[in-house]
Amino acid sequence: MYELRCDPAITAIWDSLPGAARTRLAHALVAVCEDPLATTQPYGIDDGVTRQLVLDDTIAILLVTAAMKRVRILQINFLG
């Protein structure tokens, strides 16, 4: 299981999402923490480190550090 991290500014964006989008993102991030490469897509060059989680109304850009078993949320974009 990977540890999820984000800074306070990202947490504020997450908290500001509409309820349904916030819940979908939370559930999807649980799955990401179990298997980040299987549940995300490459972001740019497929380096296995910078990934994107694409949902119907939200895209999260993630940094996966396999050696430390961490996933850091770098950016959240609400599409709806």
PDB file of N, CA and C in Angstrom:
ATOM      1  N   MET A   1       0.844  -1.179   0.000  1.00  0.00           N
ATOM      2  CA  MET A   1       0.000   0.000   0.000  1.00  0.00           C
ATOM      3  C   MET A   1       0.888   1.240   0.000  1.00  0.00           C
ATOM      4  N   TYR A   2       0.580   2.171  -0.877  1.00  0.00           N
ATOM      5  CA  TYR A   2       1.309   3.425  -0.974  1.00  0.00           C
ATOM      6  C   TYR A   2       0.695   4.463  -0.038  1.00  0.00           C
ATOM      7  N   GLU A   3       1.521   5.365   0.439  1.00  0.00           N
ATOM      8  CA  GLU A   3       1.068   6.466   1.282  1.00  0.00           C
ATOM      9  C   GLU A   3       0.697   7.636   0.381  1.00  0.00           C
ATOM     10  N   LEU A   4      -0.446   8.263   0.636  1.00  0.00           N
ATOM     11  CA  LEU A   4      -0.900   9.410  -0.146  1.00  0.00           C
ATOM     12  C   LEU A   4      -0.476  10.694   0.549  1.00  0.00           C
ATOM     13  N   ARG A   5       0.101  11.609  -0.234  1.00  0.00           N
ATOM     14  CA  ARG A   5       0.529  12.903   0.308  1.00  0.00           C
ATOM     15  C   ARG A   5       0.075  14.027  -0.600  1.00  0.00           C
ATOM     16  N   CYS A   6      -0.187  15.179   0.001  1.00  0.00           N
ATOM     17  CA  CYS A   6      -0.446  16.405  -0.746  1.00  0.00           C
ATOM     18  C   CYS A   6      -0.263  17.586   0.191  1.00  0.00           C
ATOM     19  N   ASP A   7       0.032  18.739  -0.398  1.00  0.00           N
ATOM     20  CA  ASP A   7       0.242  19.915   0.436  1.00  0.00           C
ATOM     21  C   ASP A   7      -1.100  20.590   0.729  1.00  0.00           C
ATOM     22  N   PRO A   8      -1.125  21.535   1.660  1.00  0.00           N
ATOM     23  CA  PRO A   8      -2.390  22.173   2.053  1.00  0.00           C
ATOM     24  C   PRO A   8      -3.140  22.850   0.905  1.00  0.00           C
ATOM     25  N   ALA A   9      -2.432  23.392  -0.075  1.00  0.00           N
ATOM     26  CA  ALA A   9      -3.111  24.038  -1.200  1.00  0.00           C
ATOM     27  C   ALA A   9      -3.898  23.008  -2.020  1.00  0.00           C
ATOM     28  N   ILE A  10      -3.327  21.832  -2.206  1.00  0.00           N
ATOM     29  CA  ILE A  10      -4.021  20.765  -2.939  1.00  0.00           C
ATOM     30  C   ILE A  10      -5.199  20.254  -2.116  1.00  0.00           C
ATOM     31  N   THR A  11      -5.013  20.133  -0.818  1.00  0.00           N
ATOM     32  CA  THR A  11      -6.108  19.710   0.060  1.00  0.00           C
ATOM     33  C   THR A  11      -7.277  20.687  -0.037  1.00  0.00           C
ATOM     34  N   ALA A  12      -6.973  21.974  -0.106  1.00  0.00           N
ATOM     35  CA  ALA A  12      -8.028  22.990  -0.219  1.00  0.00           C
ATOM     36  C   ALA A  12      -8.788  22.840  -1.534  1.00  0.00           C
ATOM     37  N   ILE A  13      -8.082  22.548  -2.620  1.00  0.00           N
ATOM     38  CA  ILE A  13      -8.752  22.323  -3.913  1.00  0.00           C
ATOM     39  C   ILE A  13      -9.650  21.092  -3.822  1.00  0.00           C
ATOM     40  N   TRP A  14      -9.121  20.018  -3.256  1.00  0.00           N
ATOM     41  CA  TRP A  14      -9.892  18.782  -3.087  1.00  0.00           C
ATOM     42  C   TRP A  14     -11.154  19.059  -2.279  1.00  0.00           C
ATOM     43  N   ASP A  15     -10.997  19.785  -1.174  1.00  0.00           N
ATOM     44  CA  ASP A  15     -12.135  20.097  -0.312  1.00  0.00           C
ATOM     45  C   ASP A  15     -13.171  20.982  -1.001  1.00  0.00           C
ATOM     46  N   SER A  16     -12.735  21.754  -2.000  1.00  0.00           N
ATOM     47  CA  SER A  16     -13.657  22.667  -2.676  1.00  0.00           C
ATOM     48  C   SER A  16     -14.444  21.998  -3.810  1.00  0.00           C
ATOM     49  N   LEU A  17     -14.103  20.757  -4.147  1.00  0.00           N
ATOM     50  CA  LEU A  17     -14.832  20.044  -5.202  1.00  0.00           C
ATOM     51  C   LEU A  17     -16.275  19.798  -4.759  1.00  0.00           C
ATOM     52  N   PRO A  18     -17.202  19.745  -5.707  1.00  0.00           N
ATOM     53  CA  PRO A  18     -18.576  19.357  -5.360  1.00  0.00           C
ATOM     54  C   PRO A  18     -18.569  17.971  -4.700  1.00  0.00           C
ATOM     55  N   GLY A  19     -19.534  17.730  -3.844  1.00  0.00           N
ATOM     56  CA  GLY A  19     -19.572  16.509  -3.042  1.00  0.00           C
ATOM     57  C   GLY A  19     -19.356  15.215  -3.801  1.00  0.00           C
ATOM     58  N   ALA A  20     -20.077  15.027  -4.910  1.00  0.00           N
ATOM     59  CA  ALA A  20     -19.961  13.775  -5.661  1.00  0.00           C
ATOM     60  C   ALA A  20     -18.566  13.627  -6.266  1.00  0.00           C
ATOM     61  N   ALA A  21     -18.023  14.710  -6.799  1.00  0.00           N
ATOM     62  CA  ALA A  21     -16.683  14.663  -7.393  1.00  0.00           C
ATOM     63  C   ALA A  21     -15.628  14.397  -6.322  1.00  0.00           C
ATOM     64  N   ARG A  22     -15.791  15.015  -5.168  1.00  0.00           N
ATOM     65  CA  ARG A  22     -14.858  14.812  -4.046  1.00  0.00           C
ATOM     66  C   ARG A  22     -14.868  13.347  -3.608  1.00  0.00           C
ATOM     67  N   THR A  23     -16.053  12.756  -3.532  1.00  0.00           N
ATOM     68  CA  THR A  23     -16.184  11.358  -3.126  1.00  0.00           C
ATOM     69  C   THR A  23     -15.579  10.417  -4.163  1.00  0.00           C
ATOM     70  N   ARG A  24     -15.864  10.671  -5.462  1.00  0.00           N
ATOM     71  CA  ARG A  24     -15.284   9.842  -6.520  1.00  0.00           C
ATOM     72  C   ARG A  24     -13.760   9.907  -6.497  1.00  0.00           C
ATOM     73  N   LEU A  25     -13.218  11.098  -6.294  1.00  0.00           N
ATOM     74  CA  LEU A  25     -11.766  11.251  -6.239  1.00  0.00           C
ATOM     75  C   LEU A  25     -11.193  10.489  -5.048  1.00  0.00           C
ATOM     76  N   ALA A  26     -11.838  10.586  -3.906  1.00  0.00           N
ATOM     77  CA  ALA A  26     -11.361   9.879  -2.717  1.00  0.00           C
ATOM     78  C   ALA A  26     -11.327   8.371  -2.947  1.00  0.00           C
ATOM     79  N   HIS A  27     -12.384   7.828  -3.512  1.00  0.00           N
ATOM     80  CA  HIS A  27     -12.445   6.384  -3.778  1.00  0.00           C
ATOM     81  C   HIS A  27     -11.390   5.967  -4.802  1.00  0.00           C
ATOM     82  N   ALA A  28     -11.223   6.780  -5.834  1.00  0.00           N
ATOM     83  CA  ALA A  28     -10.228   6.464  -6.857  1.00  0.00           C
ATOM     84  C   ALA A  28      -8.818   6.520  -6.282  1.00  0.00           C
ATOM     85  N   LEU A  29      -8.558   7.461  -5.389  1.00  0.00           N
ATOM     86  CA  LEU A  29      -7.226   7.569  -4.795  1.00  0.00           C
ATOM     87  C   LEU A  29      -6.914   6.397  -3.862  1.00  0.00           C
ATOM     88  N   VAL A  30      -7.929   5.812  -3.259  1.00  0.00           N
ATOM     89  CA  VAL A  30      -7.717   4.594  -2.472  1.00  0.00           C
ATOM     90  C   VAL A  30      -7.200   3.494  -3.390  1.00  0.00           C
ATOM     91  N   ALA A  31      -7.826   3.350  -4.550  1.00  0.00           N
ATOM     92  CA  ALA A  31      -7.375   2.347  -5.524  1.00  0.00           C
ATOM     93  C   ALA A  31      -5.970   2.654  -6.021  1.00  0.00           C
ATOM     94  N   VAL A  32      -5.673   3.931  -6.227  1.00  0.00           N
ATOM     95  CA  VAL A  32      -4.328   4.328  -6.662  1.00  0.00           C
ATOM     96  C   VAL A  32      -3.294   3.913  -5.620  1.00  0.00           C
ATOM     97  N   CYS A  33      -3.601   4.088  -4.366  1.00  0.00           N
ATOM     98  CA  CYS A  33      -2.657   3.724  -3.299  1.00  0.00           C
ATOM     99  C   CYS A  33      -2.421   2.217  -3.236  1.00  0.00           C
ATOM    100  N   GLU A  34      -3.355   1.445  -3.736  1.00  0.00           N
ATOM    101  CA  GLU A  34      -3.166  -0.007  -3.779  1.00  0.00           C
ATOM    102  C   GLU A  34      -2.302  -0.420  -4.973  1.00  0.00           C
ATOM    103  N   ASP A  35      -2.506   0.232  -6.132  1.00  0.00           N
ATOM    104  CA  ASP A  35      -1.739  -0.113  -7.330  1.00  0.00           C
ATOM    105  C   ASP A  35      -1.690   1.098  -8.256  1.00  0.00           C
ATOM    106  N   PRO A  36      -0.732   1.994  -8.043  1.00  0.00           N
ATOM    107  CA  PRO A  36      -0.709   3.252  -8.794  1.00  0.00           C
ATOM    108  C   PRO A  36      -0.554   3.096 -10.307  1.00  0.00           C
ATOM    109  N   LEU A  37       0.219   2.150 -10.757  1.00  0.00           N
ATOM    110  CA  LEU A  37       0.443   2.029 -12.199  1.00  0.00           C
ATOM    111  C   LEU A  37      -0.752   1.431 -12.919  1.00  0.00           C
ATOM    112  N   ALA A  38      -1.487   0.560 -12.254  1.00  0.00           N
ATOM    113  CA  ALA A  38      -2.650  -0.073 -12.886  1.00  0.00           C
ATOM    114  C   ALA A  38      -3.866   0.852 -12.927  1.00  0.00           C
ATOM    115  N   THR A  39      -3.935   1.819 -12.028  1.00  0.00           N
ATOM    116  CA  THR A  39      -5.131   2.657 -11.908  1.00  0.00           C
ATOM    117  C   THR A  39      -4.959   4.054 -12.491  1.00  0.00           C
ATOM    118  N   THR A  40      -3.785   4.336 -13.052  1.00  0.00           N
ATOM    119  CA  THR A  40      -3.519   5.656 -13.618  1.00  0.00           C
ATOM    120  C   THR A  40      -2.955   5.513 -15.029  1.00  0.00           C
ATOM    121  N   GLN A  41      -2.813   6.642 -15.680  1.00  0.00           N
ATOM    122  CA  GLN A  41      -2.254   6.686 -17.027  1.00  0.00           C
ATOM    123  C   GLN A  41      -0.967   7.510 -17.003  1.00  0.00           C
ATOM    124  N   PRO A  42      -0.068   7.264 -17.943  1.00  0.00           N
ATOM    125  CA  PRO A  42       1.127   8.106 -18.018  1.00  0.00           C
ATOM    126  C   PRO A  42       0.748   9.569 -18.246  1.00  0.00           C
ATOM    127  N   TYR A  43       1.522  10.457 -17.702  1.00  0.00           N
ATOM    128  CA  TYR A  43       1.356  11.888 -17.925  1.00  0.00           C
ATOM    129  C   TYR A  43       2.611  12.345 -18.658  1.00  0.00           C
ATOM    130  N   GLY A  44       2.454  12.591 -19.941  1.00  0.00           N
ATOM    131  CA  GLY A  44       3.623  12.911 -20.752  1.00  0.00           C
ATOM    132  C   GLY A  44       4.351  11.627 -21.104  1.00  0.00           C
ATOM    133  N   ILE A  45       5.651  11.630 -20.950  1.00  0.00           N
ATOM    134  CA  ILE A  45       6.470  10.448 -21.224  1.00  0.00           C
ATOM    135  C   ILE A  45       6.168   9.393 -20.169  1.00  0.00           C
ATOM    136  N   ASP A  46       6.022   8.157 -20.594  1.00  0.00           N
ATOM    137  CA  ASP A  46       5.707   7.074 -19.657  1.00  0.00           C
ATOM    138  C   ASP A  46       6.964   6.683 -18.884  1.00  0.00           C
ATOM    139  N   ASP A  47       7.246   7.434 -17.826  1.00  0.00           N
ATOM    140  CA  ASP A  47       8.419   7.167 -16.999  1.00  0.00           C
ATOM    141  C   ASP A  47       8.069   6.364 -15.749  1.00  0.00           C
ATOM    142  N   GLY A  48       6.768   6.059 -15.564  1.00  0.00           N
ATOM    143  CA  GLY A  48       6.340   5.306 -14.394  1.00  0.00           C
ATOM    144  C   GLY A  48       6.325   6.136 -13.121  1.00  0.00           C
ATOM    145  N   VAL A  49       6.615   7.425 -13.244  1.00  0.00           N
ATOM    146  CA  VAL A  49       6.698   8.288 -12.069  1.00  0.00           C
ATOM    147  C   VAL A  49       5.591   9.341 -12.087  1.00  0.00           C
ATOM    148  N   THR A  50       5.484  10.083 -13.166  1.00  0.00           N
ATOM    149  CA  THR A  50       4.451  11.110 -13.266  1.00  0.00           C
ATOM    150  C   THR A  50       3.244  10.481 -13.961  1.00  0.00           C
ATOM    151  N   ARG A  51       2.124  10.459 -13.253  1.00  0.00           N
ATOM    152  CA  ARG A  51       0.932   9.757 -13.718  1.00  0.00           C
ATOM    153  C   ARG A  51      -0.272  10.691 -13.639  1.00  0.00           C
ATOM    154  N   GLN A  52      -1.341  10.320 -14.320  1.00  0.00           N
ATOM    155  CA  GLN A  52      -2.593  11.061 -14.194  1.00  0.00           C
ATOM    156  C   GLN A  52      -3.734  10.105 -13.899  1.00  0.00           C
ATOM    157  N   LEU A  53      -4.584  10.548 -13.013  1.00  0.00           N
ATOM    158  CA  LEU A  53      -5.803   9.831 -12.667  1.00  0.00           C
ATOM    159  C   LEU A  53      -6.935  10.577 -13.357  1.00  0.00           C
ATOM    160  N   VAL A  54      -7.558   9.940 -14.323  1.00  0.00           N
ATOM    161  CA  VAL A  54      -8.595  10.590 -15.122  1.00  0.00           C
ATOM    162  C   VAL A  54      -9.953  10.027 -14.730  1.00  0.00           C
ATOM    163  N   LEU A  55     -10.802  10.905 -14.208  1.00  0.00           N
ATOM    164  CA  LEU A  55     -12.179  10.556 -13.863  1.00  0.00           C
ATOM    165  C   LEU A  55     -13.112  11.347 -14.768  1.00  0.00           C
ATOM    166  N   ASP A  56     -14.403  11.116 -14.677  1.00  0.00           N
ATOM    167  CA  ASP A  56     -15.353  11.820 -15.543  1.00  0.00           C
ATOM    168  C   ASP A  56     -15.278  13.330 -15.386  1.00  0.00           C
ATOM    169  N   ASP A  57     -15.085  13.803 -14.168  1.00  0.00           N
ATOM    170  CA  ASP A  57     -15.132  15.237 -13.920  1.00  0.00           C
ATOM    171  C   ASP A  57     -13.866  15.807 -13.267  1.00  0.00           C
ATOM    172  N   THR A  58     -12.867  14.969 -13.070  1.00  0.00           N
ATOM    173  CA  THR A  58     -11.662  15.401 -12.373  1.00  0.00           C
ATOM    174  C   THR A  58     -10.441  14.716 -12.962  1.00  0.00           C
ATOM    175  N   ILE A  59      -9.354  15.456 -13.037  1.00  0.00           N
ATOM    176  CA  ILE A  59      -8.062  14.883 -13.402  1.00  0.00           C
ATOM    177  C   ILE A  59      -7.073  15.271 -12.310  1.00  0.00           C
ATOM    178  N   ALA A  60      -6.363  14.279 -11.794  1.00  0.00           N
ATOM    179  CA  ALA A  60      -5.337  14.530 -10.786  1.00  0.00           C
ATOM    180  C   ALA A  60      -3.987  14.116 -11.360  1.00  0.00           C
ATOM    181  N   ILE A  61      -3.003  14.992 -11.221  1.00  0.00           N
ATOM    182  CA  ILE A  61      -1.644  14.692 -11.643  1.00  0.00           C
ATOM    183  C   ILE A  61      -0.896  14.213 -10.405  1.00  0.00           C
ATOM    184  N   LEU A  62      -0.233  13.074 -10.535  1.00  0.00           N
ATOM    185  CA  LEU A  62       0.373  12.399  -9.392  1.00  0.00           C
ATOM    186  C   LEU A  62       1.853  12.133  -9.629  1.00  0.00           C
ATOM    187  N   LEU A  63       2.601  12.110  -8.561  1.00  0.00           N
ATOM    188  CA  LEU A  63       3.998  11.712  -8.589  1.00  0.00           C
ATOM    189  C   LEU A  63       4.105  10.420  -7.783  1.00  0.00           C
ATOM    190  N   VAL A  64       4.523   9.346  -8.428  1.00  0.00           N
ATOM    191  CA  VAL A  64       4.617   8.036  -7.778  1.00  0.00           C
ATOM    192  C   VAL A  64       6.088   7.749  -7.474  1.00  0.00           C
ATOM    193  N   THR A  65       6.387   7.552  -6.203  1.00  0.00           N
ATOM    194  CA  THR A  65       7.741   7.216  -5.781  1.00  0.00           C
ATOM    195  C   THR A  65       7.722   5.785  -5.260  1.00  0.00           C
ATOM    196  N   ALA A  66       8.050   4.851  -6.135  1.00  0.00           N
ATOM    197  CA  ALA A  66       7.955   3.429  -5.794  1.00  0.00           C
ATOM    198  C   ALA A  66       8.908   3.047  -4.665  1.00  0.00           C
ATOM    199  N   ALA A  67      10.108   3.589  -4.663  1.00  0.00           N
ATOM    200  CA  ALA A  67      11.104   3.225  -3.641  1.00  0.00           C
ATOM    201  C   ALA A  67      10.623   3.562  -2.235  1.00  0.00           C
ATOM    202  N   MET A  68       9.860   4.653  -2.109  1.00  0.00           N
ATOM    203  CA  MET A  68       9.360   5.072  -0.794  1.00  0.00           C
ATOM    204  C   MET A  68       7.892   4.711  -0.606  1.00  0.00           C
ATOM    205  N   LYS A  69       7.286   4.109  -1.652  1.00  0.00           N
ATOM    206  CA  LYS A  69       5.869   3.731  -1.623  1.00  0.00           C
ATOM    207  C   LYS A  69       4.986   4.927  -1.275  1.00  0.00           C
ATOM    208  N   ARG A  70       5.185   6.012  -2.062  1.00  0.00           N
ATOM    209  CA  ARG A  70       4.405   7.230  -1.868  1.00  0.00           C
ATOM    210  C   ARG A  70       3.773   7.679  -3.176  1.00  0.00           C
ATOM    211  N   VAL A  71       2.583   8.257  -3.034  1.00  0.00           N
ATOM    212  CA  VAL A  71       1.909   8.931  -4.141  1.00  0.00           C
ATOM    213  C   VAL A  71       1.629  10.350  -3.662  1.00  0.00           C
ATOM    214  N   ARG A  72       2.134  11.326  -4.409  1.00  0.00           N
ATOM    215  CA  ARG A  72       1.893  12.733  -4.068  1.00  0.00           C
ATOM    216  C   ARG A  72       0.997  13.341  -5.140  1.00  0.00           C
ATOM    217  N   ILE A  73      -0.067  14.016  -4.683  1.00  0.00           N
ATOM    218  CA  ILE A  73      -0.941  14.735  -5.597  1.00  0.00           C
ATOM    219  C   ILE A  73      -0.265  16.071  -5.907  1.00  0.00           C
ATOM    220  N   LEU A  74       0.001  16.306  -7.187  1.00  0.00           N
ATOM    221  CA  LEU A  74       0.644  17.553  -7.613  1.00  0.00           C
ATOM    222  C   LEU A  74      -0.375  18.595  -8.051  1.00  0.00           C
ATOM    223  N   GLN A  75      -1.502  18.131  -8.602  1.00  0.00           N
ATOM    224  CA  GLN A  75      -2.482  19.046  -9.162  1.00  0.00           C
ATOM    225  C   GLN A  75      -3.826  18.348  -9.262  1.00  0.00           C
ATOM    226  N   ILE A  76      -4.894  19.099  -9.044  1.00  0.00           N
ATOM    227  CA  ILE A  76      -6.259  18.597  -9.250  1.00  0.00           C
ATOM    228  C   ILE A  76      -6.980  19.582 -10.143  1.00  0.00           C
ATOM    229  N   ASN A  77      -7.563  19.081 -11.220  1.00  0.00           N
ATOM    230  CA  ASN A  77      -8.345  19.917 -12.133  1.00  0.00           C
ATOM    231  C   ASN A  77      -9.780  19.400 -12.162  1.00  0.00           C
ATOM    232  N   PHE A  78     -10.735  20.277 -11.876  1.00  0.00           N
ATOM    233  CA  PHE A  78     -12.146  19.927 -11.955  1.00  0.00           C
ATOM    234  C   PHE A  78     -12.658  20.316 -13.335  1.00  0.00           C
ATOM    235  N   LEU A  79     -13.258  19.388 -14.036  1.00  0.00           N
ATOM    236  CA  LEU A  79     -13.686  19.598 -15.408  1.00  0.00           C
ATOM    237  C   LEU A  79     -15.166  19.981 -15.527  1.00  0.00           C
ATOM    238  N   GLY A  80     -15.905  19.750 -14.466  1.00  0.00           N
ATOM    239  CA  GLY A  80     -17.350  19.956 -14.533  1.00  0.00           C
ATOM    240  C   GLY A  80     -17.736  21.328 -14.224  1.00  0.00           C
TER     241      GLY A  80
END
